[in-house]
PDB file of all heavy atoms in Angstrom:
ATOM      1  N   GLU A   1      64.700  -3.717  17.568  1.00  0.00           N
ATOM      2  CA  GLU A   1      65.441  -4.737  18.333  1.00  0.00           C
ATOM      3  C   GLU A   1      64.515  -5.769  18.963  1.00  0.00           C
ATOM      4  O   GLU A   1      64.619  -6.093  20.144  1.00  0.00           O
ATOM      5  CB  GLU A   1      66.315  -4.070  19.391  1.00  0.00           C
ATOM      6  CG  GLU A   1      67.382  -3.174  18.787  1.00  0.00           C
ATOM      7  CD  GLU A   1      68.303  -2.550  19.813  1.00  0.00           C
ATOM      8  OE1 GLU A   1      68.203  -2.880  21.020  1.00  0.00           O
ATOM      9  OE2 GLU A   1      69.128  -1.731  19.397  1.00  0.00           O
ATOM     10  N   GLY A   2      63.570  -6.268  18.187  1.00  0.00           N
ATOM     11  CA  GLY A   2      62.688  -7.338  18.633  1.00  0.00           C
ATOM     12  C   GLY A   2      61.427  -6.888  19.346  1.00  0.00           C
ATOM     13  O   GLY A   2      60.553  -7.703  19.628  1.00  0.00           O
ATOM     14  N   THR A   3      61.314  -5.613  19.650  1.00  0.00           N
ATOM     15  CA  THR A   3      60.125  -5.098  20.309  1.00  0.00           C
ATOM     16  C   THR A   3      59.192  -4.490  19.265  1.00  0.00           C
ATOM     17  O   THR A   3      59.598  -3.608  18.502  1.00  0.00           O
ATOM     18  CB  THR A   3      60.499  -4.020  21.361  1.00  0.00           C
ATOM     19  OG1 THR A   3      61.348  -4.616  22.343  1.00  0.00           O
ATOM     20  CG2 THR A   3      59.255  -3.446  22.028  1.00  0.00           C
ATOM     21  N   MET A   4      57.960  -4.960  19.251  1.00  0.00           N
ATOM     22  CA  MET A   4      56.986  -4.450  18.297  1.00  0.00           C
ATOM     23  C   MET A   4      56.571  -3.036  18.681  1.00  0.00           C
ATOM     24  O   MET A   4      56.141  -2.789  19.798  1.00  0.00           O
ATOM     25  CB  MET A   4      55.757  -5.372  18.239  1.00  0.00           C
ATOM     26  CG  MET A   4      54.793  -5.029  17.123  1.00  0.00           C
ATOM     27  SD  MET A   4      53.314  -6.090  17.107  1.00  0.00           S
ATOM     28  CE  MET A   4      54.026  -7.698  16.781  1.00  0.00           C
ATOM     29  N   LEU A   5      56.708  -2.130  17.728  1.00  0.00           N
ATOM     30  CA  LEU A   5      56.346  -0.727  17.941  1.00  0.00           C
ATOM     31  C   LEU A   5      55.002  -0.371  17.328  1.00  0.00           C
ATOM     32  O   LEU A   5      54.380   0.610  17.733  1.00  0.00           O
ATOM     33  CB  LEU A   5      57.407   0.191  17.340  1.00  0.00           C
ATOM     34  CG  LEU A   5      58.826   0.033  17.845  1.00  0.00           C
ATOM     35  CD1 LEU A   5      59.745   0.982  17.112  1.00  0.00           C
ATOM     36  CD2 LEU A   5      58.887   0.239  19.349  1.00  0.00           C
ATOM     37  N   GLY A   6      54.594  -1.144  16.327  1.00  0.00           N
ATOM     38  CA  GLY A   6      53.341  -0.815  15.671  1.00  0.00           C
ATOM     39  C   GLY A   6      52.986  -1.801  14.588  1.00  0.00           C
ATOM     40  O   GLY A   6      53.776  -2.701  14.264  1.00  0.00           O
ATOM     41  N   PHE A   7      51.794  -1.621  14.042  1.00  0.00           N
ATOM     42  CA  PHE A   7      51.338  -2.504  12.969  1.00  0.00           C
ATOM     43  C   PHE A   7      50.493  -1.736  11.971  1.00  0.00           C
ATOM     44  O   PHE A   7      49.910  -0.690  12.284  1.00  0.00           O
ATOM     45  CB  PHE A   7      50.554  -3.698  13.525  1.00  0.00           C
ATOM     46  CG  PHE A   7      49.345  -3.339  14.358  1.00  0.00           C
ATOM     47  CD1 PHE A   7      48.146  -2.983  13.760  1.00  0.00           C
ATOM     48  CD2 PHE A   7      49.401  -3.379  15.738  1.00  0.00           C
ATOM     49  CE1 PHE A   7      47.024  -2.670  14.514  1.00  0.00           C
ATOM     50  CE2 PHE A   7      48.290  -3.061  16.513  1.00  0.00           C
ATOM     51  CZ  PHE A   7      47.100  -2.702  15.892  1.00  0.00           C
ATOM     52  N   ALA A   8      50.454  -2.284  10.765  1.00  0.00           N
ATOM     53  CA  ALA A   8      49.573  -1.807   9.698  1.00  0.00           C
ATOM     54  C   ALA A   8      48.853  -3.023   9.143  1.00  0.00           C
ATOM     55  O   ALA A   8      49.487  -3.938   8.612  1.00  0.00           O
ATOM     56  CB  ALA A   8      50.378  -1.110   8.596  1.00  0.00           C
ATOM     57  N   LEU A   9      47.536  -3.055   9.306  1.00  0.00           N
ATOM     58  CA  LEU A   9      46.725  -4.162   8.804  1.00  0.00           C
ATOM     59  C   LEU A   9      45.976  -3.677   7.574  1.00  0.00           C
ATOM     60  O   LEU A   9      45.327  -2.623   7.613  1.00  0.00           O
ATOM     61  CB  LEU A   9      45.739  -4.645   9.870  1.00  0.00           C
ATOM     62  CG  LEU A   9      46.352  -5.030  11.219  1.00  0.00           C
ATOM     63  CD1 LEU A   9      45.273  -5.515  12.170  1.00  0.00           C
ATOM     64  CD2 LEU A   9      47.445  -6.066  11.053  1.00  0.00           C
ATOM     65  N   HIS A  10      46.071  -4.438   6.503  1.00  0.00           N
ATOM     66  CA  HIS A  10      45.507  -3.984   5.235  1.00  0.00           C
ATOM     67  C   HIS A  10      44.980  -5.159   4.440  1.00  0.00           C
ATOM     68  O   HIS A  10      45.340  -6.311   4.683  1.00  0.00           O
ATOM     69  CB  HIS A  10      46.572  -3.233   4.424  1.00  0.00           C
ATOM     70  CG  HIS A  10      47.778  -4.066   4.134  1.00  0.00           C
ATOM     71  ND1 HIS A  10      47.912  -4.808   2.984  1.00  0.00           N
ATOM     72  CD2 HIS A  10      48.893  -4.304   4.863  1.00  0.00           C
ATOM     73  CE1 HIS A  10      49.065  -5.457   3.018  1.00  0.00           C
ATOM     74  NE2 HIS A  10      49.677  -5.167   4.145  1.00  0.00           N
ATOM     75  N   HIS A  11      44.112  -4.866   3.479  1.00  0.00           N
ATOM     76  CA  HIS A  11      43.617  -5.889   2.564  1.00  0.00           C
ATOM     77  C   HIS A  11      43.249  -5.239   1.243  1.00  0.00           C
ATOM     78  O   HIS A  11      43.120  -4.010   1.142  1.00  0.00           O
ATOM     79  CB  HIS A  11      42.447  -6.684   3.155  1.00  0.00           C
ATOM     80  CG  HIS A  11      41.316  -5.853   3.658  1.00  0.00           C
ATOM     81  ND1 HIS A  11      40.295  -5.413   2.848  1.00  0.00           N
ATOM     82  CD2 HIS A  11      41.043  -5.379   4.891  1.00  0.00           C
ATOM     83  CE1 HIS A  11      39.436  -4.726   3.565  1.00  0.00           C
ATOM     84  NE2 HIS A  11      39.864  -4.671   4.806  1.00  0.00           N
ATOM     85  N   THR A  12      43.081  -6.053   0.234  1.00  0.00           N
ATOM     86  CA  THR A  12      42.757  -5.543  -1.091  1.00  0.00           C
ATOM     87  C   THR A  12      41.328  -5.918  -1.464  1.00  0.00           C
ATOM     88  O   THR A  12      40.750  -6.845  -0.901  1.00  0.00           O
ATOM     89  CB  THR A  12      43.718  -6.104  -2.159  1.00  0.00           C
ATOM     90  OG1 THR A  12      43.595  -7.528  -2.173  1.00  0.00           O
ATOM     91  CG2 THR A  12      45.153  -5.716  -1.858  1.00  0.00           C
ATOM     92  N   HIS A  13      40.797  -5.178  -2.414  1.00  0.00           N
ATOM     93  CA  HIS A  13      39.487  -5.499  -2.955  1.00  0.00           C
ATOM     94  C   HIS A  13      39.372  -4.897  -4.351  1.00  0.00           C
ATOM     95  O   HIS A  13      40.125  -3.998  -4.724  1.00  0.00           O
ATOM     96  CB  HIS A  13      38.366  -4.989  -2.047  1.00  0.00           C
ATOM     97  CG  HIS A  13      38.340  -3.505  -1.880  1.00  0.00           C
ATOM     98  ND1 HIS A  13      37.715  -2.664  -2.777  1.00  0.00           N
ATOM     99  CD2 HIS A  13      38.869  -2.704  -0.933  1.00  0.00           C
ATOM    100  CE1 HIS A  13      37.850  -1.419  -2.384  1.00  0.00           C
ATOM    101  NE2 HIS A  13      38.560  -1.407  -1.264  1.00  0.00           N
ATOM    102  N   LEU A  14      38.420  -5.420  -5.106  1.00  0.00           N
ATOM    103  CA  LEU A  14      38.157  -4.901  -6.436  1.00  0.00           C
ATOM    104  C   LEU A  14      37.354  -3.611  -6.330  1.00  0.00           C
ATOM    105  O   LEU A  14      36.721  -3.338  -5.313  1.00  0.00           O
ATOM    106  CB  LEU A  14      37.397  -5.934  -7.256  1.00  0.00           C
ATOM    107  CG  LEU A  14      38.125  -7.267  -7.458  1.00  0.00           C
ATOM    108  CD1 LEU A  14      37.244  -8.237  -8.224  1.00  0.00           C
ATOM    109  CD2 LEU A  14      39.451  -7.063  -8.160  1.00  0.00           C
ATOM    110  N   SER A  15      37.370  -2.829  -7.392  1.00  0.00           N
ATOM    111  CA  SER A  15      36.671  -1.565  -7.420  1.00  0.00           C
ATOM    112  C   SER A  15      35.936  -1.410  -8.753  1.00  0.00           C
ATOM    113  O   SER A  15      36.374  -1.947  -9.770  1.00  0.00           O
ATOM    114  CB  SER A  15      37.670  -0.412  -7.269  1.00  0.00           C
ATOM    115  OG  SER A  15      37.049   0.833  -7.491  1.00  0.00           O
ATOM    116  N   THR A  16      34.867  -0.665  -8.733  1.00  0.00           N
ATOM    117  CA  THR A  16      34.167  -0.341  -9.977  1.00  0.00           C
ATOM    118  C   THR A  16      34.731   0.923 -10.619  1.00  0.00           C
ATOM    119  O   THR A  16      34.330   1.286 -11.722  1.00  0.00           O
ATOM    120  CB  THR A  16      32.663  -0.127  -9.720  1.00  0.00           C
ATOM    121  OG1 THR A  16      32.509   0.951  -8.785  1.00  0.00           O
ATOM    122  CG2 THR A  16      32.031  -1.401  -9.183  1.00  0.00           C
ATOM    123  N   TRP A  17      35.679   1.588  -9.980  1.00  0.00           N
ATOM    124  CA  TRP A  17      36.218   2.857 -10.447  1.00  0.00           C
ATOM    125  C   TRP A  17      37.577   2.745 -11.111  1.00  0.00           C
ATOM    126  O   TRP A  17      38.027   3.691 -11.781  1.00  0.00           O
ATOM    127  CB  TRP A  17      36.311   3.844  -9.282  1.00  0.00           C
ATOM    128  CG  TRP A  17      34.943   4.216  -8.794  1.00  0.00           C
ATOM    129  CD1 TRP A  17      34.179   3.519  -7.886  1.00  0.00           C
ATOM    130  CD2 TRP A  17      34.157   5.327  -9.199  1.00  0.00           C
ATOM    131  NE1 TRP A  17      32.975   4.144  -7.689  1.00  0.00           N
ATOM    132  CE2 TRP A  17      32.947   5.273  -8.495  1.00  0.00           C
ATOM    133  CE3 TRP A  17      34.371   6.379 -10.083  1.00  0.00           C
ATOM    134  CZ2 TRP A  17      31.942   6.214  -8.654  1.00  0.00           C
ATOM    135  CZ3 TRP A  17      33.371   7.332 -10.228  1.00  0.00           C
ATOM    136  CH2 TRP A  17      32.182   7.242  -9.525  1.00  0.00           C
ATOM    137  N   VAL A  18      38.266   1.645 -10.896  1.00  0.00           N
ATOM    138  CA  VAL A  18      39.584   1.405 -11.501  1.00  0.00           C
ATOM    139  C   VAL A  18      39.689  -0.066 -11.843  1.00  0.00           C
ATOM    140  O   VAL A  18      38.964  -0.902 -11.289  1.00  0.00           O
ATOM    141  CB  VAL A  18      40.743   1.824 -10.559  1.00  0.00           C
ATOM    142  CG1 VAL A  18      40.781   3.332 -10.369  1.00  0.00           C
ATOM    143  CG2 VAL A  18      40.642   1.116  -9.222  1.00  0.00           C
ATOM    144  N   SER A  19      40.590  -0.407 -12.743  1.00  0.00           N
ATOM    145  CA  SER A  19      40.688  -1.814 -13.151  1.00  0.00           C
ATOM    146  C   SER A  19      41.594  -2.640 -12.231  1.00  0.00           C
ATOM    147  O   SER A  19      41.414  -3.844 -12.127  1.00  0.00           O
ATOM    148  CB  SER A  19      41.181  -1.914 -14.596  1.00  0.00           C
ATOM    149  OG  SER A  19      42.421  -1.263 -14.742  1.00  0.00           O
ATOM    150  N   ALA A  20      42.566  -2.027 -11.594  1.00  0.00           N
ATOM    151  CA  ALA A  20      43.443  -2.756 -10.670  1.00  0.00           C
ATOM    152  C   ALA A  20      42.819  -2.742  -9.269  1.00  0.00           C
ATOM    153  O   ALA A  20      41.987  -1.883  -8.961  1.00  0.00           O
ATOM    154  CB  ALA A  20      44.825  -2.109 -10.646  1.00  0.00           C
ATOM    155  N   PRO A  21      43.210  -3.676  -8.403  1.00  0.00           N
ATOM    156  CA  PRO A  21      42.664  -3.693  -7.042  1.00  0.00           C
ATOM    157  C   PRO A  21      43.045  -2.448  -6.245  1.00  0.00           C
ATOM    158  O   PRO A  21      44.058  -1.812  -6.503  1.00  0.00           O
ATOM    159  CB  PRO A  21      43.299  -4.932  -6.411  1.00  0.00           C
ATOM    160  CG  PRO A  21      43.753  -5.769  -7.545  1.00  0.00           C
ATOM    161  CD  PRO A  21      44.096  -4.817  -8.651  1.00  0.00           C
ATOM    162  N   ASP A  22      42.222  -2.142  -5.270  1.00  0.00           N
ATOM    163  CA  ASP A  22      42.510  -1.113  -4.277  1.00  0.00           C
ATOM    164  C   ASP A  22      43.067  -1.792  -3.031  1.00  0.00           C
ATOM    165  O   ASP A  22      42.735  -2.942  -2.740  1.00  0.00           O
ATOM    166  CB  ASP A  22      41.240  -0.372  -3.861  1.00  0.00           C
ATOM    167  CG  ASP A  22      40.828   0.715  -4.828  1.00  0.00           C
ATOM    168  OD1 ASP A  22      41.664   1.155  -5.631  1.00  0.00           O
ATOM    169  OD2 ASP A  22      39.651   1.128  -4.774  1.00  0.00           O
ATOM    170  N   CYS A  23      43.852  -1.049  -2.273  1.00  0.00           N
ATOM    171  CA  CYS A  23      44.339  -1.524  -0.981  1.00  0.00           C
ATOM    172  C   CYS A  23      43.749  -0.630   0.098  1.00  0.00           C
ATOM    173  O   CYS A  23      43.827   0.601   0.014  1.00  0.00           O
ATOM    174  CB  CYS A  23      45.865  -1.481  -0.930  1.00  0.00           C
ATOM    175  SG  CYS A  23      46.528  -2.136   0.627  1.00  0.00           S
ATOM    176  N   TYR A  24      43.148  -1.252   1.089  1.00  0.00           N
ATOM    177  CA  TYR A  24      42.549  -0.531   2.205  1.00  0.00           C
ATOM    178  C   TYR A  24      43.388  -0.757   3.457  1.00  0.00           C
ATOM    179  O   TYR A  24      43.567  -1.892   3.893  1.00  0.00           O
ATOM    180  CB  TYR A  24      41.114  -1.015   2.433  1.00  0.00           C
ATOM    181  CG  TYR A  24      40.458  -0.385   3.637  1.00  0.00           C
ATOM    182  CD1 TYR A  24      40.365   0.997   3.763  1.00  0.00           C
ATOM    183  CD2 TYR A  24      39.932  -1.167   4.649  1.00  0.00           C
ATOM    184  CE1 TYR A  24      39.768   1.576   4.871  1.00  0.00           C
ATOM    185  CE2 TYR A  24      39.319  -0.595   5.756  1.00  0.00           C
ATOM    186  CZ  TYR A  24      39.247   0.778   5.857  1.00  0.00           C
ATOM    187  OH  TYR A  24      38.663   1.360   6.947  1.00  0.00           O
ATOM    188  N   LEU A  25      43.927   0.315   4.004  1.00  0.00           N
ATOM    189  CA  LEU A  25      44.628   0.265   5.286  1.00  0.00           C
ATOM    190  C   LEU A  25      43.563   0.344   6.363  1.00  0.00           C
ATOM    191  O   LEU A  25      42.977   1.396   6.610  1.00  0.00           O
ATOM    192  CB  LEU A  25      45.614   1.436   5.398  1.00  0.00           C
ATOM    193  CG  LEU A  25      46.262   1.641   6.763  1.00  0.00           C
ATOM    194  CD1 LEU A  25      47.058   0.420   7.193  1.00  0.00           C
ATOM    195  CD2 LEU A  25      47.133   2.893   6.732  1.00  0.00           C
ATOM    196  N   GLU A  26      43.286  -0.788   6.984  1.00  0.00           N
ATOM    197  CA  GLU A  26      42.197  -0.824   7.950  1.00  0.00           C
ATOM    198  C   GLU A  26      42.632  -0.359   9.333  1.00  0.00           C
ATOM    199  O   GLU A  26      41.884   0.340  10.016  1.00  0.00           O
ATOM    200  CB  GLU A  26      41.601  -2.244   8.048  1.00  0.00           C
ATOM    201  CG  GLU A  26      40.382  -2.273   8.917  1.00  0.00           C
ATOM    202  CD  GLU A  26      39.457  -3.432   8.626  1.00  0.00           C
ATOM    203  OE1 GLU A  26      39.685  -4.184   7.667  1.00  0.00           O
ATOM    204  OE2 GLU A  26      38.483  -3.571   9.370  1.00  0.00           O
ATOM    205  N   ASP A  27      43.818  -0.749   9.748  1.00  0.00           N
ATOM    206  CA  ASP A  27      44.277  -0.406  11.092  1.00  0.00           C
ATOM    207  C   ASP A  27      45.758  -0.046  11.052  1.00  0.00           C
ATOM    208  O   ASP A  27      46.579  -0.827  10.550  1.00  0.00           O
ATOM    209  CB  ASP A  27      44.107  -1.593  12.047  1.00  0.00           C
ATOM    210  CG  ASP A  27      42.682  -2.094  12.114  1.00  0.00           C
ATOM    211  OD1 ASP A  27      41.800  -1.300  12.480  1.00  0.00           O
ATOM    212  OD2 ASP A  27      42.453  -3.274  11.802  1.00  0.00           O
ATOM    213  N   LEU A  28      46.102   1.105  11.593  1.00  0.00           N
ATOM    214  CA  LEU A  28      47.490   1.504  11.808  1.00  0.00           C
ATOM    215  C   LEU A  28      47.585   1.940  13.251  1.00  0.00           C
ATOM    216  O   LEU A  28      46.797   2.787  13.695  1.00  0.00           O
ATOM    217  CB  LEU A  28      47.889   2.656  10.881  1.00  0.00           C
ATOM    218  CG  LEU A  28      49.312   3.190  11.082  1.00  0.00           C
ATOM    219  CD1 LEU A  28      50.328   2.203  10.533  1.00  0.00           C
ATOM    220  CD2 LEU A  28      49.492   4.531  10.396  1.00  0.00           C
ATOM    221  N   PHE A  29      48.535   1.361  13.985  1.00  0.00           N
ATOM    222  CA  PHE A  29      48.671   1.703  15.403  1.00  0.00           C
ATOM    223  C   PHE A  29      50.128   1.649  15.797  1.00  0.00           C
ATOM    224  O   PHE A  29      50.887   0.793  15.328  1.00  0.00           O
ATOM    225  CB  PHE A  29      47.868   0.738  16.277  1.00  0.00           C
ATOM    226  CG  PHE A  29      47.939   1.084  17.742  1.00  0.00           C
ATOM    227  CD1 PHE A  29      47.218   2.157  18.248  1.00  0.00           C
ATOM    228  CD2 PHE A  29      48.739   0.355  18.601  1.00  0.00           C
ATOM    229  CE1 PHE A  29      47.296   2.493  19.589  1.00  0.00           C
ATOM    230  CE2 PHE A  29      48.819   0.675  19.952  1.00  0.00           C
ATOM    231  CZ  PHE A  29      48.095   1.745  20.446  1.00  0.00           C
ATOM    232  N   LEU A  30      50.502   2.575  16.684  1.00  0.00           N
ATOM    233  CA  LEU A  30      51.857   2.641  17.227  1.00  0.00           C
ATOM    234  C   LEU A  30      51.795   2.768  18.736  1.00  0.00           C
ATOM    235  O   LEU A  30      50.866   3.369  19.277  1.00  0.00           O
ATOM    236  CB  LEU A  30      52.593   3.873  16.679  1.00  0.00           C
ATOM    237  CG  LEU A  30      52.705   3.976  15.177  1.00  0.00           C
ATOM    238  CD1 LEU A  30      53.160   5.361  14.781  1.00  0.00           C
ATOM    239  CD2 LEU A  30      53.654   2.924  14.653  1.00  0.00           C
ATOM    240  N   THR A  31      52.815   2.250  19.406  1.00  0.00           N
ATOM    241  CA  THR A  31      52.927   2.468  20.843  1.00  0.00           C
ATOM    242  C   THR A  31      53.117   3.961  21.089  1.00  0.00           C
ATOM    243  O   THR A  31      53.558   4.704  20.206  1.00  0.00           O
ATOM    244  CB  THR A  31      54.129   1.710  21.428  1.00  0.00           C
ATOM    245  OG1 THR A  31      55.332   2.204  20.830  1.00  0.00           O
ATOM    246  CG2 THR A  31      54.007   0.207  21.231  1.00  0.00           C
ATOM    247  N   ASP A  32      52.810   4.405  22.299  1.00  0.00           N
ATOM    248  CA  ASP A  32      52.991   5.821  22.636  1.00  0.00           C
ATOM    249  C   ASP A  32      54.412   6.284  22.341  1.00  0.00           C
ATOM    250  O   ASP A  32      54.627   7.358  21.789  1.00  0.00           O
ATOM    251  CB  ASP A  32      52.673   6.075  24.113  1.00  0.00           C
ATOM    252  CG  ASP A  32      51.185   6.106  24.404  1.00  0.00           C
ATOM    253  OD1 ASP A  32      50.394   6.361  23.472  1.00  0.00           O
ATOM    254  OD2 ASP A  32      50.815   5.874  25.572  1.00  0.00           O
ATOM    255  N   GLY A  33      55.389   5.471  22.723  1.00  0.00           N
ATOM    256  CA  GLY A  33      56.788   5.850  22.543  1.00  0.00           C
ATOM    257  C   GLY A  33      57.231   5.933  21.100  1.00  0.00           C
ATOM    258  O   GLY A  33      58.208   6.622  20.778  1.00  0.00           O
ATOM    259  N   ALA A  34      56.533   5.246  20.206  1.00  0.00           N
ATOM    260  CA  ALA A  34      56.914   5.236  18.789  1.00  0.00           C
ATOM    261  C   ALA A  34      56.261   6.370  18.006  1.00  0.00           C
ATOM    262  O   ALA A  34      56.701   6.687  16.903  1.00  0.00           O
ATOM    263  CB  ALA A  34      56.552   3.892  18.159  1.00  0.00           C
ATOM    264  N   ARG A  35      55.246   6.985  18.584  1.00  0.00           N
ATOM    265  CA  ARG A  35      54.549   8.065  17.870  1.00  0.00           C
ATOM    266  C   ARG A  35      55.457   9.278  17.723  1.00  0.00           C
ATOM    267  O   ARG A  35      56.106   9.700  18.668  1.00  0.00           O
ATOM    268  CB  ARG A  35      53.266   8.442  18.594  1.00  0.00           C
ATOM    269  CG  ARG A  35      52.263   7.321  18.544  1.00  0.00           C
ATOM    270  CD  ARG A  35      50.927   7.714  19.126  1.00  0.00           C
ATOM    271  NE  ARG A  35      50.103   6.515  19.170  1.00  0.00           N
ATOM    272  CZ  ARG A  35      49.425   6.110  20.216  1.00  0.00           C
ATOM    273  NH1 ARG A  35      49.422   6.823  21.318  1.00  0.00           N
ATOM    274  NH2 ARG A  35      48.726   4.991  20.168  1.00  0.00           N
ATOM    275  N   GLY A  36      55.501   9.798  16.522  1.00  0.00           N
ATOM    276  CA  GLY A  36      56.318  10.973  16.245  1.00  0.00           C
ATOM    277  C   GLY A  36      57.786  10.674  16.040  1.00  0.00           C
ATOM    278  O   GLY A  36      58.582  11.587  15.829  1.00  0.00           O
ATOM    279  N   ALA A  37      58.162   9.389  16.070  1.00  0.00           N
ATOM    280  CA  ALA A  37      59.575   9.012  15.948  1.00  0.00           C
ATOM    281  C   ALA A  37      59.893   8.344  14.611  1.00  0.00           C
ATOM    282  O   ALA A  37      60.984   7.824  14.438  1.00  0.00           O
ATOM    283  CB  ALA A  37      59.975   8.091  17.106  1.00  0.00           C
TER     284      ALA A  37
END
């Protein structure tokens, strides 16, 4: 309802181990009240 509870910040990069890009989840955070919900 318009209140931010959390975020996931991510980016992609190339890899020498696979041909498609990888996605790296750099930051995931939730408010105390949103944890476990």
